[in-house]
């Protein structure tokens, strides 16, 4: 059985700090990066809290809401290697723990999960992108549904996510203000929604729209495939192997940025002197890359917390659908020039 001491040793903090983070102590003064590193390490080592090993808290839940089903669009192994979604789920679970709500996790497989898991819950939080058939299946088996990190078509459902289009446009403008002129993009195709290479996800679409509006779009340096570190490496290598390289590359998330770093280093290119790299999510590894990664910090935990609050409003009787778009924060580090008047985070 994994102990708090083992987690503390791997992260480089005290056992007391690990204990307070994993028990969602709101009074603990710890940086978001340290908190995220502790959570990710605990997940990696498959740590279970004493309360979880005893079968959960028996405290009474708020009226009309006692159990929430978390339906994830990823499988458990896929989620574990994506710290952004680990943080989002932990945001849901921390909010539920504070409210004494029971949670049951339902991960994506090749088959629809047991409908009894949904019917036995007072509400559902669906994490990530779900296609039309999955949305209809969720609606059939539970009438209280909130989507986290995804907004489905129509107005009947509640949802909370980051405004990725706005974040992408702001990042492009910031890089332009730093005198980067030839900016490439590495992203992925949103296959979860049955889309094709002509219809990728929101950051890709925002990039194309912005670059076209400014007369700077070059399809040869705007590539998309799968959401993996290996794709980040391979697509960046294709872009950097061109005779005229871009002076900056945006990747859709930090995992792909790790692959982009590998491609640049393999070619003997310096970051940011030869090519700057910027990304999204601000997972804990971003600050430890060489050089540290400039990235848009998306509020994963806050998305999870807000999803729980929306679900409680729905169960309490709200009829009108509500969509929440949370803001993001640019964290400038060594992989890009820092804007004048702003210091780097590392």
Foldseek 3Di string as FASTA:
>chain_A
DDALVVLCVVLVHDSVVLVCLVLLPPPDDDDPLSSLSSLLSCVVVVPDDPQVVVPHDPDDAPPLFAEEEEEEAAASVVQSVPSLNSLLVVLQVSLCSVRNHHYDYHYDDPDDDDLVVLLVGSAYEYEDDAEPVVVVSSCVRYVQYEYFQDDDPDWQHAYEHAPLLVVLLVVVVVQVVVVFQQEAEEEAAPPNHPDDQVDRDRNLVSVQVNCVVVVRDDVQRYDYHDPALCSLQVSLLSQVPDPDHGLEYEYAAVRSVNSNVVNCVVVVHDANVRYFYEYEDCHSCQVVPVNRHWYKHTPSSVSSSVRVVSSVVVSVPDRGHHYHHDYIHTAATRNGDDPPPDDHPD
